[in-house]
Amino acid sequence: MLPRLPAALALVSLVSALCLGAAEAQTTYQPPPPYEPPPYAPPPYTPPPGVQQQPLPSPPSSAELPLGAPMPPAPPAAGATRADDATAIRNAIDGWADDFNALKSGIVCDIFAPDLHYDFGVEPGDYNSLCKRLRQALGEAAFRYHYTPDIQEILISGDLAVVRIVWTLTVTRNGNAEPTVVTEPAMYVMRHEPDGNWRVFRFLAFNVPNPPSRR
């Protein structure tokens, strides 16, 4: 027969056992990890029997659209950056000036979109009226026109760009040694089109005749 422990000693033993059990529970218990739903991947689409899946149509080209119809936006080029777009815009404007100064009337309108609308001073116009004016200017035998662009700023957002530019137009008349110089500040709104080119579809411009030089 085991000897009976004093009541105080028995109480101390009980408290020690409880504390030891609590300590062991704290060291051995690990909370469960937070719940994470399993990844879900929808099954690939399979058309019903007898139904043939058709590919998506490609966007129309500028040649397929009626004159004056807006062009759909161009898909972003893989790896293209804003610096690349700014360079392409500068090249387009500089290329237009080179074509104009070289009297290339057949391609002088390529930088303008078919749905062009513009205001030059107080005179509004569209693609047809601007191309007519440009080709008439290049066809004049008594005058020679020379454009020099000075691009001040290019702001690009997606497939649209705003270009602040100042043109210097030098007009030389046959038999007159003193040319006329005109400054034309302008604001272009350009669009990146499906063929990869940037074209002007809105612009504002006006001319400021420069005073004749004094000798």
C-alpha atoms as a PDB file:
ATOM      1  CA  MET A   1       0.000   0.000   0.000  1.00  0.00           C
ATOM      2  CA  LEU A   2       1.434   3.385  -1.128  1.00  0.00           C
ATOM      3  CA  PRO A   3       1.833   6.035   1.491  1.00  0.00           C
ATOM      4  CA  ARG A   4      -0.607   8.893   1.262  1.00  0.00           C
ATOM      5  CA  LEU A   5       0.895  12.271   0.287  1.00  0.00           C
ATOM      6  CA  PRO A   6       0.097  15.395   2.255  1.00  0.00           C
ATOM      7  CA  ALA A   7      -2.651  17.493   0.679  1.00  0.00           C
ATOM      8  CA  ALA A   8      -0.305  20.436   0.003  1.00  0.00           C
ATOM      9  CA  LEU A   9       2.254  18.190  -1.709  1.00  0.00           C
ATOM     10  CA  ALA A  10      -0.440  16.550  -3.795  1.00  0.00           C
ATOM     11  CA  LEU A  11      -1.687  19.956  -4.934  1.00  0.00           C
ATOM     12  CA  VAL A  12       1.845  21.013  -5.927  1.00  0.00           C
ATOM     13  CA  SER A  13       2.264  17.823  -7.947  1.00  0.00           C
ATOM     14  CA  LEU A  14      -1.062  18.410  -9.718  1.00  0.00           C
ATOM     15  CA  VAL A  15      -0.143  22.007 -10.648  1.00  0.00           C
ATOM     16  CA  SER A  16       3.285  20.891 -11.917  1.00  0.00           C
ATOM     17  CA  ALA A  17       1.687  18.215 -14.068  1.00  0.00           C
ATOM     18  CA  LEU A  18      -0.743  20.695 -15.558  1.00  0.00           C
ATOM     19  CA  CYS A  19       2.014  23.225 -16.331  1.00  0.00           C
ATOM     20  CA  LEU A  20       4.170  20.517 -17.899  1.00  0.00           C
ATOM     21  CA  GLY A  21       1.269  19.375 -20.049  1.00  0.00           C
ATOM     22  CA  ALA A  22       0.544  22.931 -21.162  1.00  0.00           C
ATOM     23  CA  ALA A  23       4.194  23.512 -22.055  1.00  0.00           C
ATOM     24  CA  GLU A  24       4.311  20.315 -24.059  1.00  0.00           C
ATOM     25  CA  ALA A  25       1.100  21.292 -25.848  1.00  0.00           C
ATOM     26  CA  GLN A  26       2.590  24.702 -26.766  1.00  0.00           C
ATOM     27  CA  THR A  27       5.740  23.148 -28.159  1.00  0.00           C
ATOM     28  CA  THR A  28       4.090  20.364 -30.105  1.00  0.00           C
ATOM     29  CA  TYR A  29       0.976  22.086 -31.511  1.00  0.00           C
ATOM     30  CA  GLN A  30       1.323  23.637 -34.959  1.00  0.00           C
ATOM     31  CA  PRO A  31      -1.553  25.633 -36.439  1.00  0.00           C
ATOM     32  CA  PRO A  32      -2.757  24.445 -39.849  1.00  0.00           C
ATOM     33  CA  PRO A  33      -1.507  26.405 -42.918  1.00  0.00           C
ATOM     34  CA  PRO A  34      -3.850  28.996 -44.407  1.00  0.00           C
ATOM     35  CA  TYR A  35      -6.279  27.645 -46.929  1.00  0.00           C
ATOM     36  CA  GLU A  36      -5.297  28.081 -50.536  1.00  0.00           C
ATOM     37  CA  PRO A  37      -7.718  27.009 -53.225  1.00  0.00           C
ATOM     38  CA  PRO A  38      -6.235  24.679 -55.813  1.00  0.00           C
ATOM     39  CA  PRO A  39      -5.233  26.299 -59.121  1.00  0.00           C
ATOM     40  CA  TYR A  40      -7.977  26.273 -61.706  1.00  0.00           C
ATOM     41  CA  ALA A  41      -7.388  26.030 -65.409  1.00  0.00           C
ATOM     42  CA  PRO A  42     -10.418  25.956 -67.658  1.00  0.00           C
ATOM     43  CA  PRO A  43     -10.410  23.080 -70.117  1.00  0.00           C
ATOM     44  CA  PRO A  44      -9.575  23.968 -73.738  1.00  0.00           C
ATOM     45  CA  TYR A  45     -12.548  24.874 -75.873  1.00  0.00           C
ATOM     46  CA  THR A  46     -13.652  22.115 -78.195  1.00  0.00           C
ATOM     47  CA  PRO A  47     -16.386  22.916 -80.721  1.00  0.00           C
ATOM     48  CA  PRO A  48     -19.391  20.575 -80.750  1.00  0.00           C
ATOM     49  CA  PRO A  49     -19.412  17.759 -83.283  1.00  0.00           C
ATOM     50  CA  GLY A  50     -20.176  19.020 -86.762  1.00  0.00           C
ATOM     51  CA  VAL A  51     -19.201  22.644 -85.964  1.00  0.00           C
ATOM     52  CA  GLN A  52     -16.000  23.974 -87.518  1.00  0.00           C
ATOM     53  CA  GLN A  53     -14.295  26.795 -85.639  1.00  0.00           C
ATOM     54  CA  GLN A  54     -13.565  29.758 -87.892  1.00  0.00           C
ATOM     55  CA  PRO A  55     -10.464  31.965 -87.419  1.00  0.00           C
ATOM     56  CA  LEU A  56     -10.948  35.624 -86.498  1.00  0.00           C
ATOM     57  CA  PRO A  57     -10.971  37.967 -89.517  1.00  0.00           C
ATOM     58  CA  SER A  58      -7.914  40.170 -90.017  1.00  0.00           C
ATOM     59  CA  PRO A  59      -8.417  43.972 -89.778  1.00  0.00           C
ATOM     60  CA  PRO A  60      -9.051  45.710 -93.108  1.00  0.00           C
ATOM     61  CA  SER A  61      -6.242  47.572 -94.803  1.00  0.00           C
ATOM     62  CA  SER A  62      -6.410  51.236 -95.749  1.00  0.00           C
ATOM     63  CA  ALA A  63      -7.081  50.238 -99.372  1.00  0.00           C
ATOM     64  CA  GLU A  64     -10.217  48.299 -98.366  1.00  0.00           C
ATOM     65  CA  LEU A  65     -11.815  51.158 -96.412  1.00  0.00           C
ATOM     66  CA  PRO A  66     -13.947  53.829 -98.100  1.00  0.00           C
ATOM     67  CA  LEU A  67     -12.505  57.306 -98.222  1.00  0.00           C
ATOM     68  CA  GLY A  68     -13.160  59.111 -94.958  1.00  0.00           C
ATOM     69  CA  ALA A  69     -13.695  55.948 -92.891  1.00  0.00           C
ATOM     70  CA  PRO A  70     -11.648  55.833 -89.644  1.00  0.00           C
ATOM     71  CA  MET A  71      -8.872  53.273 -89.512  1.00  0.00           C
ATOM     72  CA  PRO A  72      -8.934  50.630 -86.750  1.00  0.00           C
ATOM     73  CA  PRO A  73      -6.133  50.889 -84.191  1.00  0.00           C
ATOM     74  CA  ALA A  74      -2.932  49.032 -84.850  1.00  0.00           C
ATOM     75  CA  PRO A  75      -1.894  46.127 -82.619  1.00  0.00           C
ATOM     76  CA  PRO A  76       1.166  46.961 -80.503  1.00  0.00           C
ATOM     77  CA  ALA A  77       4.389  45.726 -82.037  1.00  0.00           C
ATOM     78  CA  ALA A  78       6.279  43.131 -80.048  1.00  0.00           C
ATOM     79  CA  GLY A  79       9.049  44.809 -78.059  1.00  0.00           C
ATOM     80  CA  ALA A  80       8.184  48.303 -79.304  1.00  0.00           C
ATOM     81  CA  THR A  81       8.872  51.192 -76.934  1.00  0.00           C
ATOM     82  CA  ARG A  82       7.880  54.839 -76.853  1.00  0.00           C
ATOM     83  CA  ALA A  83      11.387  55.738 -77.987  1.00  0.00           C
ATOM     84  CA  ASP A  84      10.905  53.537 -81.050  1.00  0.00           C
ATOM     85  CA  ASP A  85       7.544  55.183 -81.781  1.00  0.00           C
ATOM     86  CA  ALA A  86       9.026  58.677 -81.366  1.00  0.00           C
ATOM     87  CA  THR A  87      11.804  57.778 -83.797  1.00  0.00           C
ATOM     88  CA  ALA A  88       9.268  56.421 -86.299  1.00  0.00           C
ATOM     89  CA  ILE A  89       7.224  59.635 -86.030  1.00  0.00           C
ATOM     90  CA  ARG A  90      10.302  61.809 -86.575  1.00  0.00           C
ATOM     91  CA  ASN A  91      11.308  59.710 -89.556  1.00  0.00           C
ATOM     92  CA  ALA A  92       7.810  60.032 -91.043  1.00  0.00           C
ATOM     93  CA  ILE A  93       7.814  63.828 -90.726  1.00  0.00           C
ATOM     94  CA  ASP A  94      11.377  64.226 -91.992  1.00  0.00           C
ATOM     95  CA  GLY A  95      10.603  61.829 -94.837  1.00  0.00           C
ATOM     96  CA  TRP A  96       7.562  63.875 -95.821  1.00  0.00           C
ATOM     97  CA  ALA A  97       9.677  67.045 -95.941  1.00  0.00           C
ATOM     98  CA  ASP A  98      12.259  65.297 -98.137  1.00  0.00           C
ATOM     99  CA  ASP A  99       9.543  64.046-100.497  1.00  0.00           C
ATOM    100  CA  PHE A 100       7.909  67.482-100.716  1.00  0.00           C
ATOM    101  CA  ASN A 101      11.201  69.274-101.355  1.00  0.00           C
ATOM    102  CA  ALA A 102      12.044  66.674-104.025  1.00  0.00           C
ATOM    103  CA  LEU A 103       8.709  67.401-105.794  1.00  0.00           C
ATOM    104  CA  LYS A 104       7.408  63.838-105.294  1.00  0.00           C
ATOM    105  CA  SER A 105       3.753  64.685-105.752  1.00  0.00           C
ATOM    106  CA  GLY A 106       2.749  61.026-106.096  1.00  0.00           C
ATOM    107  CA  ILE A 107       3.578  60.217-102.451  1.00  0.00           C
ATOM    108  CA  VAL A 108       3.289  63.617-100.805  1.00  0.00           C
ATOM    109  CA  CYS A 109      -0.059  62.675 -99.223  1.00  0.00           C
ATOM    110  CA  ASP A 110       1.055  59.328 -97.759  1.00  0.00           C
ATOM    111  CA  ILE A 111       1.620  60.790 -94.291  1.00  0.00           C
ATOM    112  CA  PHE A 112      -2.050  61.836 -94.024  1.00  0.00           C
ATOM    113  CA  ALA A 113      -4.875  59.444 -93.100  1.00  0.00           C
ATOM    114  CA  PRO A 114      -7.922  59.218 -95.404  1.00  0.00           C
ATOM    115  CA  ASP A 115     -10.164  60.566 -92.590  1.00  0.00           C
ATOM    116  CA  LEU A 116      -8.004  63.686 -92.174  1.00  0.00           C
ATOM    117  CA  HIS A 117      -9.622  66.904 -90.922  1.00  0.00           C
ATOM    118  CA  TYR A 118      -7.615  70.063 -90.287  1.00  0.00           C
ATOM    119  CA  ASP A 119      -7.795  73.806 -89.706  1.00  0.00           C
ATOM    120  CA  PHE A 120      -5.137  75.903 -91.382  1.00  0.00           C
ATOM    121  CA  GLY A 121      -5.657  79.443 -90.150  1.00  0.00           C
ATOM    122  CA  VAL A 122      -9.365  80.078 -90.683  1.00  0.00           C
ATOM    123  CA  GLU A 123      -9.720  77.538 -93.486  1.00  0.00           C
ATOM    124  CA  PRO A 124     -10.861  74.000 -92.587  1.00  0.00           C
ATOM    125  CA  GLY A 125     -10.233  71.125 -94.923  1.00  0.00           C
ATOM    126  CA  ASP A 126      -9.977  67.386 -95.391  1.00  0.00           C
ATOM    127  CA  TYR A 127      -7.722  64.848 -97.085  1.00  0.00           C
ATOM    128  CA  ASN A 128      -8.853  65.669-100.627  1.00  0.00           C
ATOM    129  CA  SER A 129      -8.537  69.439-100.269  1.00  0.00           C
ATOM    130  CA  LEU A 130      -5.075  69.232 -98.695  1.00  0.00           C
ATOM    131  CA  CYS A 131      -3.732  66.842-101.330  1.00  0.00           C
ATOM    132  CA  LYS A 132      -5.069  69.116-104.050  1.00  0.00           C
ATOM    133  CA  ARG A 133      -3.294  72.133-102.537  1.00  0.00           C
ATOM    134  CA  LEU A 134      -0.008  70.277-102.099  1.00  0.00           C
ATOM    135  CA  ARG A 135       0.040  68.932-105.647  1.00  0.00           C
ATOM    136  CA  GLN A 136      -0.837  72.333-107.068  1.00  0.00           C
ATOM    137  CA  ALA A 137       2.052  73.888-105.142  1.00  0.00           C
ATOM    138  CA  LEU A 138       4.488  71.272-106.430  1.00  0.00           C
ATOM    139  CA  GLY A 139       3.250  71.754-109.973  1.00  0.00           C
ATOM    140  CA  GLU A 140       3.772  75.534-110.086  1.00  0.00           C
ATOM    141  CA  ALA A 141       6.617  76.443-112.402  1.00  0.00           C
ATOM    142  CA  ALA A 142       7.024  80.046-111.221  1.00  0.00           C
ATOM    143  CA  PHE A 143       7.616  79.182-107.547  1.00  0.00           C
ATOM    144  CA  ARG A 144       9.763  76.761-105.599  1.00  0.00           C
ATOM    145  CA  TYR A 145       8.712  75.718-102.079  1.00  0.00           C
ATOM    146  CA  HIS A 146      11.009  74.243 -99.454  1.00  0.00           C
ATOM    147  CA  TYR A 147       9.868  72.985 -96.030  1.00  0.00           C
ATOM    148  CA  THR A 148      12.113  72.515 -92.986  1.00  0.00           C
ATOM    149  CA  PRO A 149      10.584  70.855 -89.872  1.00  0.00           C
ATOM    150  CA  ASP A 150      11.491  71.684 -86.290  1.00  0.00           C
ATOM    151  CA  ILE A 151       9.824  69.132 -83.981  1.00  0.00           C
ATOM    152  CA  GLN A 152       9.327  70.695 -80.556  1.00  0.00           C
ATOM    153  CA  GLU A 153       7.652  67.861 -78.662  1.00  0.00           C
ATOM    154  CA  ILE A 154       6.183  64.376 -79.138  1.00  0.00           C
ATOM    155  CA  LEU A 155       3.658  62.973 -76.651  1.00  0.00           C
ATOM    156  CA  ILE A 156       2.646  59.331 -77.144  1.00  0.00           C
ATOM    157  CA  SER A 157      -0.239  57.403 -75.564  1.00  0.00           C
ATOM    158  CA  GLY A 158      -0.837  53.947 -77.003  1.00  0.00           C
ATOM    159  CA  ASP A 159      -1.641  54.216 -80.703  1.00  0.00           C
ATOM    160  CA  LEU A 160      -2.035  58.026 -80.611  1.00  0.00           C
ATOM    161  CA  ALA A 161       0.569  60.787 -80.566  1.00  0.00           C
ATOM    162  CA  VAL A 162       0.486  64.580 -80.362  1.00  0.00           C
ATOM    163  CA  VAL A 163       3.304  66.400 -82.134  1.00  0.00           C
ATOM    164  CA  ARG A 164       4.124  70.059 -81.604  1.00  0.00           C
ATOM    165  CA  ILE A 165       6.066  71.287 -84.604  1.00  0.00           C
ATOM    166  CA  VAL A 166       7.173  74.506 -86.295  1.00  0.00           C
ATOM    167  CA  TRP A 167       7.629  74.462 -90.051  1.00  0.00           C
ATOM    168  CA  THR A 168       9.775  76.964 -91.930  1.00  0.00           C
ATOM    169  CA  LEU A 169       8.574  77.466 -95.494  1.00  0.00           C
ATOM    170  CA  THR A 170      10.915  79.168 -97.937  1.00  0.00           C
ATOM    171  CA  VAL A 171       9.283  80.344-101.160  1.00  0.00           C
ATOM    172  CA  THR A 172      11.511  81.329-104.059  1.00  0.00           C
ATOM    173  CA  ARG A 173      10.108  83.020-107.144  1.00  0.00           C
ATOM    174  CA  ASN A 174      11.861  82.613-110.460  1.00  0.00           C
ATOM    175  CA  GLY A 175      13.938  85.698-111.245  1.00  0.00           C
ATOM    176  CA  ASN A 176      13.710  86.994-107.656  1.00  0.00           C
ATOM    177  CA  ALA A 177      16.851  86.509-105.568  1.00  0.00           C
ATOM    178  CA  GLU A 178      15.109  87.406-102.288  1.00  0.00           C
ATOM    179  CA  PRO A 179      13.039  84.447-100.985  1.00  0.00           C
ATOM    180  CA  THR A 180       9.985  84.760 -98.791  1.00  0.00           C
ATOM    181  CA  VAL A 181      10.188  82.938 -95.459  1.00  0.00           C
ATOM    182  CA  VAL A 182       7.046  81.898 -93.583  1.00  0.00           C
ATOM    183  CA  THR A 183       6.862  80.226 -90.169  1.00  0.00           C
ATOM    184  CA  GLU A 184       4.038  77.733 -89.660  1.00  0.00           C
ATOM    185  CA  PRO A 185       3.468  76.533 -86.059  1.00  0.00           C
ATOM    186  CA  ALA A 186       1.328  73.384 -86.022  1.00  0.00           C
ATOM    187  CA  MET A 187      -0.106  70.719 -83.728  1.00  0.00           C
ATOM    188  CA  TYR A 188      -0.498  67.229 -85.219  1.00  0.00           C
ATOM    189  CA  VAL A 189      -2.533  64.309 -83.897  1.00  0.00           C
ATOM    190  CA  MET A 190      -1.073  61.123 -85.365  1.00  0.00           C
ATOM    191  CA  ARG A 191      -2.274  57.526 -85.276  1.00  0.00           C
ATOM    192  CA  HIS A 192      -0.376  54.238 -85.504  1.00  0.00           C
ATOM    193  CA  GLU A 193      -2.173  52.392 -88.272  1.00  0.00           C
ATOM    194  CA  PRO A 194      -2.441  48.660 -89.119  1.00  0.00           C
ATOM    195  CA  ASP A 195       0.295  48.859 -91.763  1.00  0.00           C
ATOM    196  CA  GLY A 196       2.746  50.026 -89.072  1.00  0.00           C
ATOM    197  CA  ASN A 197       2.968  53.668 -90.241  1.00  0.00           C
ATOM    198  CA  TRP A 198       2.148  56.778 -88.216  1.00  0.00           C
ATOM    199  CA  ARG A 199      -0.216  59.128 -90.034  1.00  0.00           C
ATOM    200  CA  VAL A 200      -1.745  62.538 -89.326  1.00  0.00           C
ATOM    201  CA  PHE A 201      -5.533  62.474 -88.991  1.00  0.00           C
ATOM    202  CA  ARG A 202      -6.054  65.854 -87.248  1.00  0.00           C
ATOM    203  CA  PHE A 203      -4.001  69.031 -87.181  1.00  0.00           C
ATOM    204  CA  LEU A 204      -4.118  72.743 -86.484  1.00  0.00           C
ATOM    205  CA  ALA A 205      -1.719  75.190 -88.142  1.00  0.00           C
ATOM    206  CA  PHE A 206      -1.321  78.836 -89.097  1.00  0.00           C
ATOM    207  CA  ASN A 207       1.349  80.871 -90.867  1.00  0.00           C
ATOM    208  CA  VAL A 208       3.374  83.824 -89.602  1.00  0.00           C
ATOM    209  CA  PRO A 209       5.118  85.788 -92.386  1.00  0.00           C
ATOM    210  CA  ASN A 210       8.597  86.769 -91.335  1.00  0.00           C
ATOM    211  CA  PRO A 211       9.567  90.443 -91.829  1.00  0.00           C
ATOM    212  CA  PRO A 212      11.956  91.015 -94.741  1.00  0.00           C
ATOM    213  CA  SER A 213      15.600  91.259 -93.749  1.00  0.00           C
ATOM    214  CA  ARG A 214      17.114  94.740 -93.694  1.00  0.00           C
ATOM    215  CA  ARG A 215      20.428  95.298 -95.383  1.00  0.00           C
END
